[in-house]
Amino acid sequence: MGPVALIEPVRNGLIQRSDGTYDIRVAIATKMGLPLAGPIGPHLAAGWTFGPREGKWELTDPTATLIARCDIATGGAAGEPAWTAQALAVGQILIAYGSRVGVRVPDGVLPSHYDDRYRATELRKSVLSRQACIAIVKLPQQIGAFRGARPE
């Protein structure tokens, strides 16, 4: 399996409707071609890219609009260079993008309780409720310029 990036916005953009609640950021990403999680598995998100820029990693849509800018955290400083090297070698990354994909500690949950099991349950719920986009995203064509660059 190649590298995986879980991307969760700092703030939710929740919209309440008569038929339920949805995140406007996920809705916009879906409208621009980043697919919601589905039963068949992840698809390639045509035109979307995820790559290093100015010490961070950026997710951009097919119009080159910045959707997310983030650090890469692998649970330990030693893991990040290996993750980056694998991403550069493979040329694509599996992305999970949404409000609750196992990145940020939810309100009311103690950080000490936000363990791998809690994160996995949170991601699974988001996928099953179609509140997360899951896709394979290519690294940008100009990625050669970034080889050797190490995100902070």
N, C-alpha and C. Protein backbone atom coordinates (compact mmCIF):
# COMPACT_ATOMS: atom_id res chain seq x y z
N MET A 1 0.84 -1.18 0.00
CA MET A 1 0.00 0.00 0.00
C MET A 1 0.88 1.23 0.00
N GLY A 2 0.46 2.24 -0.73
CA GLY A 2 1.20 3.50 -0.80
C GLY A 2 0.85 4.42 0.35
N PRO A 3 1.39 5.62 0.31
CA PRO A 3 1.14 6.58 1.39
C PRO A 3 -0.32 7.03 1.45
N VAL A 4 -0.76 7.34 2.67
CA VAL A 4 -2.13 7.80 2.93
C VAL A 4 -2.05 9.13 3.64
N ALA A 5 -2.93 10.07 3.27
CA ALA A 5 -3.03 11.36 3.95
C ALA A 5 -4.46 11.56 4.44
N LEU A 6 -4.61 11.77 5.74
CA LEU A 6 -5.90 12.11 6.33
C LEU A 6 -5.92 13.62 6.51
N ILE A 7 -6.85 14.29 5.85
CA ILE A 7 -6.89 15.75 5.86
C ILE A 7 -8.22 16.20 6.45
N GLU A 8 -8.13 16.96 7.53
CA GLU A 8 -9.31 17.41 8.25
C GLU A 8 -9.24 18.92 8.43
N PRO A 9 -10.23 19.67 7.91
CA PRO A 9 -10.20 21.14 8.07
C PRO A 9 -10.18 21.54 9.56
N VAL A 10 -9.58 22.69 9.83
CA VAL A 10 -9.50 23.19 11.20
C VAL A 10 -10.90 23.46 11.75
N ARG A 11 -11.77 24.04 10.93
CA ARG A 11 -13.14 24.34 11.34
C ARG A 11 -14.11 23.62 10.42
N ASN A 12 -15.21 23.16 11.01
CA ASN A 12 -16.27 22.54 10.22
C ASN A 12 -17.08 23.61 9.52
N GLY A 13 -17.58 23.29 8.35
CA GLY A 13 -18.49 24.16 7.62
C GLY A 13 -19.84 23.48 7.54
N LEU A 14 -20.42 23.16 8.69
CA LEU A 14 -21.65 22.37 8.70
C LEU A 14 -22.87 23.21 8.32
N ILE A 15 -23.69 22.63 7.46
CA ILE A 15 -24.94 23.24 7.00
C ILE A 15 -26.08 22.32 7.43
N GLN A 16 -27.08 22.91 8.09
CA GLN A 16 -28.24 22.14 8.54
C GLN A 16 -29.36 22.28 7.51
N ARG A 17 -29.88 21.14 7.09
CA ARG A 17 -31.02 21.11 6.17
C ARG A 17 -32.09 20.21 6.75
N SER A 18 -33.26 20.25 6.15
CA SER A 18 -34.35 19.41 6.64
C SER A 18 -34.02 17.92 6.52
N ASP A 19 -33.19 17.56 5.55
CA ASP A 19 -32.84 16.15 5.36
C ASP A 19 -31.53 15.75 6.04
N GLY A 20 -30.97 16.64 6.87
CA GLY A 20 -29.76 16.31 7.61
C GLY A 20 -28.73 17.41 7.58
N THR A 21 -27.55 17.10 8.08
CA THR A 21 -26.44 18.05 8.15
C THR A 21 -25.34 17.59 7.20
N TYR A 22 -24.69 18.54 6.54
CA TYR A 22 -23.55 18.19 5.70
C TYR A 22 -22.48 19.27 5.83
N ASP A 23 -21.27 18.92 5.48
CA ASP A 23 -20.14 19.85 5.53
C ASP A 23 -20.00 20.49 4.16
N ILE A 24 -20.08 21.80 4.12
CA ILE A 24 -20.02 22.54 2.84
C ILE A 24 -18.67 22.33 2.16
N ARG A 25 -17.60 22.17 2.93
CA ARG A 25 -16.28 21.95 2.32
C ARG A 25 -16.24 20.63 1.56
N VAL A 26 -16.81 19.59 2.16
CA VAL A 26 -16.86 18.29 1.49
C VAL A 26 -17.76 18.37 0.27
N ALA A 27 -18.88 19.09 0.38
CA ALA A 27 -19.80 19.24 -0.76
C ALA A 27 -19.11 19.95 -1.93
N ILE A 28 -18.35 20.99 -1.65
CA ILE A 28 -17.63 21.71 -2.71
C ILE A 28 -16.56 20.81 -3.33
N ALA A 29 -15.81 20.11 -2.49
CA ALA A 29 -14.77 19.21 -3.01
C ALA A 29 -15.39 18.14 -3.91
N THR A 30 -16.54 17.62 -3.49
CA THR A 30 -17.24 16.61 -4.30
C THR A 30 -17.69 17.21 -5.62
N LYS A 31 -18.23 18.41 -5.58
CA LYS A 31 -18.68 19.08 -6.81
C LYS A 31 -17.51 19.29 -7.78
N MET A 32 -16.31 19.48 -7.22
CA MET A 32 -15.11 19.69 -8.06
C MET A 32 -14.43 18.39 -8.46
N GLY A 33 -15.02 17.24 -8.08
CA GLY A 33 -14.52 15.97 -8.58
C GLY A 33 -13.80 15.08 -7.59
N LEU A 34 -13.72 15.47 -6.34
CA LEU A 34 -13.12 14.58 -5.34
C LEU A 34 -14.24 13.67 -4.85
N PRO A 35 -14.18 12.38 -5.16
CA PRO A 35 -15.33 11.50 -4.89
C PRO A 35 -15.55 11.20 -3.41
N LEU A 36 -16.82 11.09 -3.05
CA LEU A 36 -17.17 10.60 -1.72
C LEU A 36 -16.75 9.14 -1.62
N ALA A 37 -16.53 8.70 -0.40
CA ALA A 37 -16.21 7.29 -0.18
C ALA A 37 -17.36 6.44 -0.69
N GLY A 38 -17.04 5.37 -1.37
CA GLY A 38 -18.07 4.50 -1.93
C GLY A 38 -17.75 3.04 -1.69
N PRO A 39 -18.65 2.17 -2.09
CA PRO A 39 -18.49 0.75 -1.81
C PRO A 39 -17.43 0.05 -2.65
N ILE A 40 -17.05 0.64 -3.77
CA ILE A 40 -16.12 -0.03 -4.69
C ILE A 40 -14.66 0.21 -4.31
N GLY A 41 -14.39 1.29 -3.63
CA GLY A 41 -13.02 1.63 -3.28
C GLY A 41 -12.63 2.95 -3.91
N PRO A 42 -11.45 3.44 -3.60
CA PRO A 42 -11.06 4.77 -4.07
C PRO A 42 -10.82 4.82 -5.57
N HIS A 43 -11.20 5.93 -6.15
CA HIS A 43 -10.97 6.20 -7.57
C HIS A 43 -9.92 7.29 -7.70
N LEU A 44 -9.32 7.40 -8.86
CA LEU A 44 -8.41 8.49 -9.15
C LEU A 44 -9.23 9.77 -9.30
N ALA A 45 -8.84 10.81 -8.59
CA ALA A 45 -9.50 12.11 -8.69
C ALA A 45 -8.80 12.91 -9.78
N ALA A 46 -9.37 12.89 -10.98
CA ALA A 46 -8.75 13.53 -12.15
C ALA A 46 -8.54 15.02 -11.91
N GLY A 47 -7.32 15.47 -12.14
CA GLY A 47 -7.00 16.89 -12.05
C GLY A 47 -6.63 17.36 -10.65
N TRP A 48 -6.90 16.57 -9.63
CA TRP A 48 -6.55 16.93 -8.26
C TRP A 48 -5.08 16.60 -8.02
N THR A 49 -4.41 17.39 -7.17
CA THR A 49 -3.01 17.10 -6.82
C THR A 49 -2.81 17.30 -5.32
N PHE A 50 -1.79 16.62 -4.81
CA PHE A 50 -1.37 16.78 -3.42
C PHE A 50 0.14 16.72 -3.43
N GLY A 51 0.78 17.81 -3.02
CA GLY A 51 2.23 17.83 -3.06
C GLY A 51 2.82 18.91 -2.18
N PRO A 52 4.13 18.84 -1.96
CA PRO A 52 4.81 19.80 -1.09
C PRO A 52 4.97 21.16 -1.75
N ARG A 53 4.81 22.18 -0.92
CA ARG A 53 5.01 23.56 -1.38
C ARG A 53 5.29 24.43 -0.16
N GLU A 54 6.41 25.09 -0.18
CA GLU A 54 6.80 26.02 0.88
C GLU A 54 6.72 25.38 2.27
N GLY A 55 7.23 24.17 2.41
CA GLY A 55 7.31 23.52 3.71
C GLY A 55 6.03 22.86 4.19
N LYS A 56 4.98 22.91 3.42
CA LYS A 56 3.71 22.26 3.77
C LYS A 56 3.29 21.38 2.59
N TRP A 57 2.20 20.63 2.75
CA TRP A 57 1.63 19.85 1.66
C TRP A 57 0.31 20.47 1.29
N GLU A 58 0.02 20.59 -0.01
CA GLU A 58 -1.19 21.25 -0.46
C GLU A 58 -2.06 20.33 -1.32
N LEU A 59 -3.35 20.34 -1.03
CA LEU A 59 -4.35 19.64 -1.83
C LEU A 59 -5.01 20.70 -2.70
N THR A 60 -4.94 20.51 -4.03
CA THR A 60 -5.54 21.48 -4.95
C THR A 60 -6.51 20.77 -5.88
N ASP A 61 -7.56 21.50 -6.27
CA ASP A 61 -8.58 20.94 -7.16
C ASP A 61 -8.16 21.14 -8.61
N PRO A 62 -8.96 20.69 -9.57
CA PRO A 62 -8.58 20.78 -10.99
C PRO A 62 -8.42 22.21 -11.52
N THR A 63 -8.95 23.21 -10.79
CA THR A 63 -8.78 24.61 -11.21
C THR A 63 -7.56 25.23 -10.55
N ALA A 64 -6.75 24.41 -9.85
CA ALA A 64 -5.56 24.83 -9.09
C ALA A 64 -5.92 25.67 -7.87
N THR A 65 -7.16 25.56 -7.40
CA THR A 65 -7.58 26.23 -6.18
C THR A 65 -7.11 25.43 -4.97
N LEU A 66 -6.51 26.10 -4.03
CA LEU A 66 -6.04 25.46 -2.81
C LEU A 66 -7.24 25.04 -1.95
N ILE A 67 -7.32 23.77 -1.63
CA ILE A 67 -8.39 23.23 -0.80
C ILE A 67 -7.90 23.03 0.63
N ALA A 68 -6.68 22.56 0.80
CA ALA A 68 -6.12 22.33 2.13
C ALA A 68 -4.61 22.49 2.08
N ARG A 69 -4.07 23.01 3.17
CA ARG A 69 -2.62 23.15 3.33
C ARG A 69 -2.29 22.58 4.70
N CYS A 70 -1.37 21.60 4.75
CA CYS A 70 -1.15 20.91 6.01
C CYS A 70 0.29 20.44 6.18
N ASP A 71 0.58 20.10 7.43
CA ASP A 71 1.83 19.44 7.76
C ASP A 71 1.61 17.94 7.63
N ILE A 72 2.68 17.21 7.48
CA ILE A 72 2.60 15.76 7.49
C ILE A 72 3.09 15.30 8.85
N ALA A 73 2.25 14.56 9.55
CA ALA A 73 2.61 14.03 10.86
C ALA A 73 2.40 12.52 10.80
N THR A 74 3.46 11.77 11.03
CA THR A 74 3.38 10.31 10.94
C THR A 74 3.44 9.66 12.32
N GLY A 75 3.29 10.46 13.35
CA GLY A 75 3.35 9.90 14.69
C GLY A 75 4.76 9.91 15.25
N GLY A 76 5.71 10.32 14.46
CA GLY A 76 7.09 10.39 14.92
C GLY A 76 7.93 11.08 13.86
N ALA A 77 8.85 11.91 14.27
CA ALA A 77 9.67 12.66 13.33
C ALA A 77 10.45 11.76 12.39
N ALA A 78 10.82 10.57 12.86
CA ALA A 78 11.59 9.66 12.02
C ALA A 78 10.77 9.13 10.86
N GLY A 79 9.44 9.06 11.00
CA GLY A 79 8.60 8.50 9.95
C GLY A 79 8.31 9.44 8.81
N GLU A 80 8.38 10.74 9.03
CA GLU A 80 8.00 11.70 8.00
C GLU A 80 8.90 11.65 6.76
N PRO A 81 10.22 11.62 6.88
CA PRO A 81 11.04 11.52 5.67
C PRO A 81 10.74 10.26 4.86
N ALA A 82 10.46 9.16 5.54
CA ALA A 82 10.14 7.91 4.83
C ALA A 82 8.80 8.04 4.10
N TRP A 83 7.81 8.69 4.74
CA TRP A 83 6.50 8.90 4.11
C TRP A 83 6.66 9.75 2.85
N THR A 84 7.42 10.84 2.97
CA THR A 84 7.64 11.74 1.83
C THR A 84 8.37 11.01 0.71
N ALA A 85 9.39 10.25 1.05
CA ALA A 85 10.14 9.51 0.02
C ALA A 85 9.23 8.52 -0.69
N GLN A 86 8.37 7.84 0.06
CA GLN A 86 7.45 6.88 -0.56
C GLN A 86 6.45 7.61 -1.46
N ALA A 87 5.92 8.74 -1.00
CA ALA A 87 4.98 9.52 -1.81
C ALA A 87 5.62 9.96 -3.12
N LEU A 88 6.85 10.44 -3.03
CA LEU A 88 7.55 10.90 -4.24
C LEU A 88 7.84 9.72 -5.18
N ALA A 89 8.17 8.57 -4.63
CA ALA A 89 8.48 7.40 -5.45
C ALA A 89 7.23 6.86 -6.15
N VAL A 90 6.11 6.81 -5.42
CA VAL A 90 4.87 6.26 -5.97
C VAL A 90 4.18 7.25 -6.92
N GLY A 91 4.26 8.54 -6.59
CA GLY A 91 3.67 9.56 -7.45
C GLY A 91 2.19 9.80 -7.22
N GLN A 92 1.62 9.13 -6.23
CA GLN A 92 0.21 9.35 -5.89
C GLN A 92 -0.02 8.99 -4.43
N ILE A 93 -1.11 9.52 -3.88
CA ILE A 93 -1.40 9.35 -2.46
C ILE A 93 -2.89 9.08 -2.30
N LEU A 94 -3.22 8.19 -1.38
CA LEU A 94 -4.61 7.98 -1.03
C LEU A 94 -5.01 9.06 -0.03
N ILE A 95 -6.03 9.83 -0.39
CA ILE A 95 -6.48 10.97 0.42
C ILE A 95 -7.83 10.64 1.07
N ALA A 96 -7.96 10.97 2.35
CA ALA A 96 -9.26 11.00 3.03
C ALA A 96 -9.45 12.45 3.48
N TYR A 97 -10.49 13.10 2.99
CA TYR A 97 -10.73 14.51 3.29
C TYR A 97 -12.13 14.67 3.86
N GLY A 98 -12.22 15.25 5.05
CA GLY A 98 -13.52 15.46 5.67
C GLY A 98 -13.39 15.99 7.08
N SER A 99 -14.54 16.23 7.71
CA SER A 99 -14.57 16.83 9.04
C SER A 99 -14.10 15.91 10.15
N ARG A 100 -14.34 14.63 10.02
CA ARG A 100 -13.98 13.68 11.08
C ARG A 100 -13.32 12.46 10.46
N VAL A 101 -12.05 12.60 10.13
CA VAL A 101 -11.33 11.48 9.52
C VAL A 101 -10.17 10.98 10.39
N GLY A 102 -10.23 11.28 11.68
CA GLY A 102 -9.24 10.75 12.60
C GLY A 102 -8.02 11.59 12.81
N VAL A 103 -8.14 12.92 12.62
CA VAL A 103 -6.98 13.79 12.78
C VAL A 103 -7.09 14.65 14.04
N ARG A 104 -8.16 15.38 14.17
CA ARG A 104 -8.33 16.34 15.27
C ARG A 104 -9.17 15.74 16.41
N VAL A 105 -8.74 16.00 17.63
CA VAL A 105 -9.47 15.52 18.80
C VAL A 105 -10.83 16.24 18.84
N PRO A 106 -11.93 15.47 18.82
CA PRO A 106 -13.26 16.10 18.86
C PRO A 106 -13.51 16.81 20.19
N ASP A 107 -14.36 17.84 20.14
CA ASP A 107 -14.77 18.53 21.36
C ASP A 107 -15.35 17.52 22.34
N GLY A 108 -15.00 17.66 23.60
CA GLY A 108 -15.53 16.79 24.63
C GLY A 108 -14.79 15.47 24.81
N VAL A 109 -13.76 15.23 24.00
CA VAL A 109 -12.99 13.99 24.11
C VAL A 109 -11.61 14.34 24.65
N LEU A 110 -11.20 13.64 25.68
CA LEU A 110 -9.86 13.86 26.23
C LEU A 110 -8.81 13.39 25.23
N PRO A 111 -7.76 14.17 25.01
CA PRO A 111 -6.71 13.74 24.08
C PRO A 111 -6.15 12.36 24.41
N SER A 112 -6.08 12.01 25.68
CA SER A 112 -5.56 10.69 26.05
C SER A 112 -6.49 9.55 25.61
N HIS A 113 -7.76 9.85 25.36
CA HIS A 113 -8.72 8.84 24.90
C HIS A 113 -8.80 8.77 23.37
N TYR A 114 -8.18 9.74 22.71
CA TYR A 114 -8.23 9.79 21.24
C TYR A 114 -7.11 8.92 20.68
N ASP A 115 -7.27 7.62 20.83
CA ASP A 115 -6.25 6.67 20.41
C ASP A 115 -6.54 6.12 19.01
N ASP A 116 -5.73 5.18 18.56
CA ASP A 116 -5.89 4.63 17.21
C ASP A 116 -7.27 4.01 17.00
N ARG A 117 -7.79 3.33 18.01
CA ARG A 117 -9.10 2.70 17.89
C ARG A 117 -10.20 3.77 17.70
N TYR A 118 -10.12 4.84 18.50
CA TYR A 118 -11.10 5.93 18.39
C TYR A 118 -11.01 6.57 17.01
N ARG A 119 -9.78 6.82 16.55
CA ARG A 119 -9.57 7.44 15.23
C ARG A 119 -10.14 6.56 14.12
N ALA A 120 -9.88 5.27 14.20
CA ALA A 120 -10.37 4.34 13.17
C ALA A 120 -11.90 4.30 13.16
N THR A 121 -12.51 4.31 14.33
CA THR A 121 -13.98 4.33 14.41
C THR A 121 -14.54 5.61 13.81
N GLU A 122 -13.89 6.74 14.13
CA GLU A 122 -14.32 8.03 13.60
C GLU A 122 -14.23 8.05 12.06
N LEU A 123 -13.13 7.58 11.52
CA LEU A 123 -12.96 7.52 10.07
C LEU A 123 -13.99 6.60 9.44
N ARG A 124 -14.20 5.44 10.03
CA ARG A 124 -15.18 4.48 9.50
C ARG A 124 -16.58 5.10 9.47
N LYS A 125 -16.98 5.80 10.54
CA LYS A 125 -18.30 6.45 10.59
C LYS A 125 -18.43 7.51 9.50
N SER A 126 -17.37 8.30 9.29
CA SER A 126 -17.41 9.32 8.24
C SER A 126 -17.54 8.71 6.86
N VAL A 127 -16.83 7.61 6.64
CA VAL A 127 -16.90 6.93 5.34
C VAL A 127 -18.29 6.34 5.12
N LEU A 128 -18.82 5.63 6.13
CA LEU A 128 -20.13 4.99 5.98
C LEU A 128 -21.26 5.99 5.85
N SER A 129 -21.13 7.17 6.47
CA SER A 129 -22.18 8.19 6.37
C SER A 129 -21.96 9.13 5.18
N ARG A 130 -20.94 8.83 4.37
CA ARG A 130 -20.62 9.62 3.18
C ARG A 130 -20.33 11.08 3.54
N GLN A 131 -19.60 11.25 4.64
CA GLN A 131 -19.17 12.57 5.09
C GLN A 131 -17.68 12.80 4.84
N ALA A 132 -17.07 11.90 4.06
CA ALA A 132 -15.64 12.02 3.75
C ALA A 132 -15.42 11.68 2.28
N CYS A 133 -14.51 12.42 1.67
CA CYS A 133 -14.07 12.10 0.32
C CYS A 133 -12.87 11.17 0.44
N ILE A 134 -12.84 10.15 -0.39
CA ILE A 134 -11.71 9.21 -0.42
C ILE A 134 -11.32 9.06 -1.89
N ALA A 135 -10.06 9.34 -2.19
CA ALA A 135 -9.62 9.26 -3.58
C ALA A 135 -8.11 9.08 -3.66
N ILE A 136 -7.67 8.62 -4.80
CA ILE A 136 -6.25 8.59 -5.12
C ILE A 136 -5.96 9.90 -5.84
N VAL A 137 -4.95 10.60 -5.35
CA VAL A 137 -4.60 11.91 -5.90
C VAL A 137 -3.14 11.87 -6.34
N LYS A 138 -2.89 12.38 -7.53
CA LYS A 138 -1.53 12.41 -8.08
C LYS A 138 -0.72 13.54 -7.46
N LEU A 139 0.58 13.35 -7.43
CA LEU A 139 1.47 14.45 -7.08
C LEU A 139 1.55 15.37 -8.29
N PRO A 140 1.81 16.66 -8.09
CA PRO A 140 1.88 17.59 -9.22
C PRO A 140 2.98 17.21 -10.21
N GLN A 141 2.78 17.59 -11.47
CA GLN A 141 3.77 17.30 -12.52
C GLN A 141 5.14 17.88 -12.19
N GLN A 142 5.16 19.06 -11.57
CA GLN A 142 6.43 19.73 -11.28
C GLN A 142 7.07 19.22 -10.01
N ILE A 143 6.69 18.04 -9.56
CA ILE A 143 7.17 17.49 -8.29
C ILE A 143 8.69 17.32 -8.30
N GLY A 144 9.29 17.15 -9.45
CA GLY A 144 10.75 17.02 -9.52
C GLY A 144 11.45 18.18 -8.86
N ALA A 145 10.85 19.36 -8.91
CA ALA A 145 11.44 20.53 -8.27
C ALA A 145 11.43 20.40 -6.75
N PHE A 146 10.58 19.54 -6.22
CA PHE A 146 10.45 19.39 -4.78
C PHE A 146 11.29 18.26 -4.22
N ARG A 147 11.84 17.41 -5.09
CA ARG A 147 12.63 16.30 -4.56
C ARG A 147 13.76 16.88 -3.71
N GLY A 148 13.90 16.36 -2.56
CA GLY A 148 14.91 16.88 -1.64
C GLY A 148 14.32 17.92 -0.69
N ALA A 149 13.18 18.52 -1.04
CA ALA A 149 12.52 19.44 -0.12
C ALA A 149 11.85 18.61 0.96
N ARG A 150 11.96 19.03 2.17
CA ARG A 150 11.36 18.28 3.29
C ARG A 150 10.32 19.14 3.96
N PRO A 151 9.04 18.72 3.93
CA PRO A 151 8.02 19.50 4.63
C PRO A 151 8.33 19.59 6.11
N GLU A 152 7.92 20.73 6.72
CA GLU A 152 8.13 20.93 8.16
C GLU A 152 7.19 20.10 8.97
